[in-house]
Amino acid sequence: MKKILGYFILIILLISLTSCSLSKTHTNKDIFHYKNSYVGNNSAVGSIIKQLPNHNEFTKMTLQTKKKPYGITIDYKSLPANIKNIVINNATYLFALIKNVEWIVFEFADQKYTVTRQQLDEWYGKDLSSYTNEKELEELIHSNLKNKIKVGQLFRK
């Protein structure tokens, strides 16, 4: 009887560990799973935004899909200390993953930042849509965020 109870407990533990593992995998999908999404796919756009920095402050998004150029407006609750870094990071991911987005407006409390695909591609000197994995994109972002003068130049245009 003790042996059967032991096996039963072991099976229950294995099942619970497996289900926890599966649920973590499901909720923490590789963000590049959304590569080549379109602005019109609000589910994909929302899922991308919810995996980016400051996603806890995200309140809503508005998609411009009626006429070109297509774009996204993202509203946040509050103004983070490193707002320019958040804008650059999040815009970079969105332009790398969403095929037809041409502009993104980030609205934080009383501040608004607009970034275009062309502007960010020129700033990096690279076509963001050519990136196919998170590691390379993170390296690009972080190497450019180190240069505070370059970061400032992006927002003066």
C-alpha atoms as a PDB file:
ATOM      1  CA  MET A   1       0.000   0.000   0.000  1.00  0.00           C
ATOM      2  CA  LYS A   2       2.846   2.445   0.839  1.00  0.00           C
ATOM      3  CA  LYS A   3       4.460   1.631  -2.502  1.00  0.00           C
ATOM      4  CA  ILE A   4       1.245   2.432  -4.411  1.00  0.00           C
ATOM      5  CA  LEU A   5       0.821   5.677  -2.464  1.00  0.00           C
ATOM      6  CA  GLY A   6       4.453   6.581  -3.235  1.00  0.00           C
ATOM      7  CA  TYR A   7       3.947   5.963  -6.959  1.00  0.00           C
ATOM      8  CA  PHE A   8       0.705   7.931  -6.879  1.00  0.00           C
ATOM      9  CA  ILE A   9       2.445  10.942  -5.272  1.00  0.00           C
ATOM     10  CA  LEU A  10       5.304  10.679  -7.767  1.00  0.00           C
ATOM     11  CA  ILE A  11       2.878  10.646 -10.698  1.00  0.00           C
ATOM     12  CA  ILE A  12       0.994  13.659  -9.306  1.00  0.00           C
ATOM     13  CA  LEU A  13       4.289  15.564  -8.921  1.00  0.00           C
ATOM     14  CA  LEU A  14       5.377  14.712 -12.447  1.00  0.00           C
ATOM     15  CA  ILE A  15       2.047  15.785 -13.892  1.00  0.00           C
ATOM     16  CA  SER A  16       2.086  19.096 -12.017  1.00  0.00           C
ATOM     17  CA  LEU A  17       5.698  19.823 -13.014  1.00  0.00           C
ATOM     18  CA  THR A  18       4.944  19.025 -16.650  1.00  0.00           C
ATOM     19  CA  SER A  19       1.865  21.238 -16.730  1.00  0.00           C
ATOM     20  CA  CYS A  20       3.779  24.113 -15.082  1.00  0.00           C
ATOM     21  CA  SER A  21       6.530  23.723 -17.636  1.00  0.00           C
ATOM     22  CA  LEU A  22       4.059  23.706 -20.524  1.00  0.00           C
ATOM     23  CA  SER A  23       2.202  26.764 -19.293  1.00  0.00           C
ATOM     24  CA  LYS A  24       5.456  28.711 -18.923  1.00  0.00           C
ATOM     25  CA  THR A  25       6.472  27.744 -22.439  1.00  0.00           C
ATOM     26  CA  HIS A  26       3.105  28.839 -23.778  1.00  0.00           C
ATOM     27  CA  THR A  27       3.109  32.248 -22.094  1.00  0.00           C
ATOM     28  CA  ASN A  28       6.783  33.027 -22.754  1.00  0.00           C
ATOM     29  CA  LYS A  29       6.854  32.371 -26.489  1.00  0.00           C
ATOM     30  CA  ASP A  30       9.906  33.483 -28.363  1.00  0.00           C
ATOM     31  CA  ILE A  31       8.977  36.967 -29.519  1.00  0.00           C
ATOM     32  CA  PHE A  32      10.263  36.130 -33.017  1.00  0.00           C
ATOM     33  CA  HIS A  33       7.349  33.722 -33.267  1.00  0.00           C
ATOM     34  CA  TYR A  34       5.503  36.884 -34.377  1.00  0.00           C
ATOM     35  CA  LYS A  35       7.990  37.708 -37.166  1.00  0.00           C
ATOM     36  CA  ASN A  36       6.219  38.868 -40.353  1.00  0.00           C
ATOM     37  CA  SER A  37       3.009  39.804 -38.545  1.00  0.00           C
ATOM     38  CA  TYR A  38       0.864  42.603 -39.941  1.00  0.00           C
ATOM     39  CA  VAL A  39      -0.538  45.737 -38.295  1.00  0.00           C
ATOM     40  CA  GLY A  40      -4.021  44.363 -38.995  1.00  0.00           C
ATOM     41  CA  ASN A  41      -3.391  41.369 -36.705  1.00  0.00           C
ATOM     42  CA  ASN A  42      -4.264  43.041 -33.403  1.00  0.00           C
ATOM     43  CA  SER A  43      -3.687  39.817 -31.474  1.00  0.00           C
ATOM     44  CA  ALA A  44      -0.084  39.513 -32.696  1.00  0.00           C
ATOM     45  CA  VAL A  45       0.625  43.224 -32.165  1.00  0.00           C
ATOM     46  CA  GLY A  46      -0.790  43.074 -28.635  1.00  0.00           C
ATOM     47  CA  SER A  47       1.199  39.920 -27.854  1.00  0.00           C
ATOM     48  CA  ILE A  48       4.422  41.567 -29.007  1.00  0.00           C
ATOM     49  CA  ILE A  49       3.769  44.682 -26.917  1.00  0.00           C
ATOM     50  CA  LYS A  50       3.039  42.537 -23.847  1.00  0.00           C
ATOM     51  CA  GLN A  51       6.523  40.988 -24.110  1.00  0.00           C
ATOM     52  CA  LEU A  52       8.372  44.304 -24.363  1.00  0.00           C
ATOM     53  CA  PRO A  53       9.825  46.464 -21.580  1.00  0.00           C
ATOM     54  CA  ASN A  54       7.296  48.582 -19.696  1.00  0.00           C
ATOM     55  CA  HIS A  55       4.458  46.248 -20.724  1.00  0.00           C
ATOM     56  CA  ASN A  56       2.977  46.555 -17.228  1.00  0.00           C
ATOM     57  CA  GLU A  57       2.330  50.237 -17.964  1.00  0.00           C
ATOM     58  CA  PHE A  58       0.686  49.478 -21.348  1.00  0.00           C
ATOM     59  CA  THR A  59      -2.967  50.562 -21.361  1.00  0.00           C
ATOM     60  CA  LYS A  60      -4.137  50.421 -24.974  1.00  0.00           C
ATOM     61  CA  MET A  61      -3.147  50.411 -28.610  1.00  0.00           C
ATOM     62  CA  THR A  62      -4.770  51.877 -31.678  1.00  0.00           C
ATOM     63  CA  LEU A  63      -3.998  50.417 -35.096  1.00  0.00           C
ATOM     64  CA  GLN A  64      -4.107  52.530 -38.262  1.00  0.00           C
ATOM     65  CA  THR A  65      -5.088  49.964 -40.899  1.00  0.00           C
ATOM     66  CA  LYS A  66      -7.542  51.879 -43.105  1.00  0.00           C
ATOM     67  CA  LYS A  67      -4.951  53.670 -45.255  1.00  0.00           C
ATOM     68  CA  LYS A  68      -1.217  53.656 -45.853  1.00  0.00           C
ATOM     69  CA  PRO A  69       1.124  54.316 -44.186  1.00  0.00           C
ATOM     70  CA  TYR A  70       0.014  51.853 -41.511  1.00  0.00           C
ATOM     71  CA  GLY A  71       0.856  52.590 -37.913  1.00  0.00           C
ATOM     72  CA  ILE A  72       0.375  51.909 -34.235  1.00  0.00           C
ATOM     73  CA  THR A  73      -0.324  54.230 -31.317  1.00  0.00           C
ATOM     74  CA  ILE A  74       0.590  52.760 -27.932  1.00  0.00           C
ATOM     75  CA  ASP A  75      -0.571  54.360 -24.690  1.00  0.00           C
ATOM     76  CA  TYR A  76       1.190  53.868 -21.362  1.00  0.00           C
ATOM     77  CA  LYS A  77       0.010  54.812 -17.841  1.00  0.00           C
ATOM     78  CA  SER A  78       3.099  56.607 -16.649  1.00  0.00           C
ATOM     79  CA  LEU A  79       6.343  58.176 -17.713  1.00  0.00           C
ATOM     80  CA  PRO A  80       9.365  55.909 -17.078  1.00  0.00           C
ATOM     81  CA  ALA A  81      12.750  57.339 -16.151  1.00  0.00           C
ATOM     82  CA  ASN A  82      14.423  55.895 -19.242  1.00  0.00           C
ATOM     83  CA  ILE A  83      11.696  56.844 -21.701  1.00  0.00           C
ATOM     84  CA  LYS A  84      13.942  57.257 -24.768  1.00  0.00           C
ATOM     85  CA  ASN A  85      15.475  53.826 -24.228  1.00  0.00           C
ATOM     86  CA  ILE A  86      12.001  52.274 -23.934  1.00  0.00           C
ATOM     87  CA  VAL A  87      10.851  53.993 -27.132  1.00  0.00           C
ATOM     88  CA  ILE A  88      13.939  52.875 -29.069  1.00  0.00           C
ATOM     89  CA  ASN A  89      13.823  49.325 -27.747  1.00  0.00           C
ATOM     90  CA  ASN A  90      10.103  48.808 -28.301  1.00  0.00           C
ATOM     91  CA  ALA A  91      10.038  50.501 -31.707  1.00  0.00           C
ATOM     92  CA  THR A  92      12.985  48.385 -32.817  1.00  0.00           C
ATOM     93  CA  TYR A  93      11.183  45.162 -31.935  1.00  0.00           C
ATOM     94  CA  LEU A  94       7.924  46.285 -33.515  1.00  0.00           C
ATOM     95  CA  PHE A  95       9.620  47.325 -36.781  1.00  0.00           C
ATOM     96  CA  ALA A  96      11.650  44.104 -36.870  1.00  0.00           C
ATOM     97  CA  LEU A  97       8.602  41.894 -36.326  1.00  0.00           C
ATOM     98  CA  ILE A  98       5.681  43.649 -38.041  1.00  0.00           C
ATOM     99  CA  LYS A  99       6.000  43.709 -41.808  1.00  0.00           C
ATOM    100  CA  ASN A 100       3.852  46.673 -42.750  1.00  0.00           C
ATOM    101  CA  VAL A 101       4.120  49.095 -39.838  1.00  0.00           C
ATOM    102  CA  GLU A 102       5.605  52.421 -40.980  1.00  0.00           C
ATOM    103  CA  TRP A 103       5.177  54.580 -37.870  1.00  0.00           C
ATOM    104  CA  ILE A 104       4.637  54.158 -34.144  1.00  0.00           C
ATOM    105  CA  VAL A 105       3.447  56.754 -31.657  1.00  0.00           C
ATOM    106  CA  PHE A 106       4.289  56.172 -27.993  1.00  0.00           C
ATOM    107  CA  GLU A 107       2.122  58.159 -25.591  1.00  0.00           C
ATOM    108  CA  PHE A 108       3.326  58.430 -21.979  1.00  0.00           C
ATOM    109  CA  ALA A 109       1.271  60.568 -19.605  1.00  0.00           C
ATOM    110  CA  ASP A 110       1.867  64.041 -21.101  1.00  0.00           C
ATOM    111  CA  GLN A 111       4.641  63.159 -23.569  1.00  0.00           C
ATOM    112  CA  LYS A 112       4.401  61.744 -27.065  1.00  0.00           C
ATOM    113  CA  TYR A 113       7.131  60.249 -29.277  1.00  0.00           C
ATOM    114  CA  THR A 114       6.702  59.330 -32.936  1.00  0.00           C
ATOM    115  CA  VAL A 115       9.199  57.036 -34.640  1.00  0.00           C
ATOM    116  CA  THR A 116       9.124  55.943 -38.281  1.00  0.00           C
ATOM    117  CA  ARG A 117      10.587  52.791 -39.795  1.00  0.00           C
ATOM    118  CA  GLN A 118      12.758  54.844 -42.155  1.00  0.00           C
ATOM    119  CA  GLN A 119      14.020  57.041 -39.311  1.00  0.00           C
ATOM    120  CA  LEU A 120      15.027  54.038 -37.159  1.00  0.00           C
ATOM    121  CA  ASP A 121      16.550  52.067 -40.067  1.00  0.00           C
ATOM    122  CA  GLU A 122      18.696  55.113 -40.906  1.00  0.00           C
ATOM    123  CA  TRP A 123      19.613  55.652 -37.253  1.00  0.00           C
ATOM    124  CA  TYR A 124      20.868  52.069 -36.961  1.00  0.00           C
ATOM    125  CA  GLY A 125      22.235  51.990 -40.502  1.00  0.00           C
ATOM    126  CA  LYS A 126      20.468  48.639 -40.915  1.00  0.00           C
ATOM    127  CA  ASP A 127      17.182  47.265 -42.196  1.00  0.00           C
ATOM    128  CA  LEU A 128      15.397  46.102 -39.041  1.00  0.00           C
ATOM    129  CA  SER A 129      13.163  43.707 -40.958  1.00  0.00           C
ATOM    130  CA  SER A 130      16.246  41.615 -41.809  1.00  0.00           C
ATOM    131  CA  TYR A 131      16.696  40.478 -38.188  1.00  0.00           C
ATOM    132  CA  THR A 132      15.553  36.931 -37.472  1.00  0.00           C
ATOM    133  CA  ASN A 133      16.402  36.360 -33.797  1.00  0.00           C
ATOM    134  CA  GLU A 134      16.222  38.097 -30.469  1.00  0.00           C
ATOM    135  CA  LYS A 135      19.911  37.771 -29.585  1.00  0.00           C
ATOM    136  CA  GLU A 136      21.117  39.723 -32.627  1.00  0.00           C
ATOM    137  CA  LEU A 137      18.426  42.362 -32.214  1.00  0.00           C
ATOM    138  CA  GLU A 138      19.263  42.808 -28.507  1.00  0.00           C
ATOM    139  CA  GLU A 139      22.951  43.262 -29.380  1.00  0.00           C
ATOM    140  CA  LEU A 140      22.052  45.927 -31.945  1.00  0.00           C
ATOM    141  CA  ILE A 141      19.809  47.779 -29.520  1.00  0.00           C
ATOM    142  CA  HIS A 142      22.208  47.723 -26.571  1.00  0.00           C
ATOM    143  CA  SER A 143      25.284  48.695 -28.584  1.00  0.00           C
ATOM    144  CA  ASN A 144      23.422  51.777 -29.871  1.00  0.00           C
ATOM    145  CA  LEU A 145      21.797  52.741 -26.561  1.00  0.00           C
ATOM    146  CA  LYS A 146      25.267  53.100 -25.018  1.00  0.00           C
ATOM    147  CA  ASN A 147      25.872  56.180 -27.180  1.00  0.00           C
ATOM    148  CA  LYS A 148      23.824  58.881 -25.405  1.00  0.00           C
ATOM    149  CA  ILE A 149      24.686  61.499 -28.068  1.00  0.00           C
ATOM    150  CA  LYS A 150      23.322  59.209 -30.785  1.00  0.00           C
ATOM    151  CA  VAL A 151      20.185  58.545 -28.694  1.00  0.00           C
ATOM    152  CA  GLY A 152      19.642  62.289 -28.348  1.00  0.00           C
ATOM    153  CA  GLN A 153      20.074  62.810 -32.099  1.00  0.00           C
ATOM    154  CA  LEU A 154      17.243  60.403 -32.877  1.00  0.00           C
ATOM    155  CA  PHE A 155      14.782  62.551 -30.961  1.00  0.00           C
ATOM    156  CA  ARG A 156      15.903  65.894 -32.431  1.00  0.00           C
ATOM    157  CA  LYS A 157      14.736  65.088 -35.950  1.00  0.00           C
END
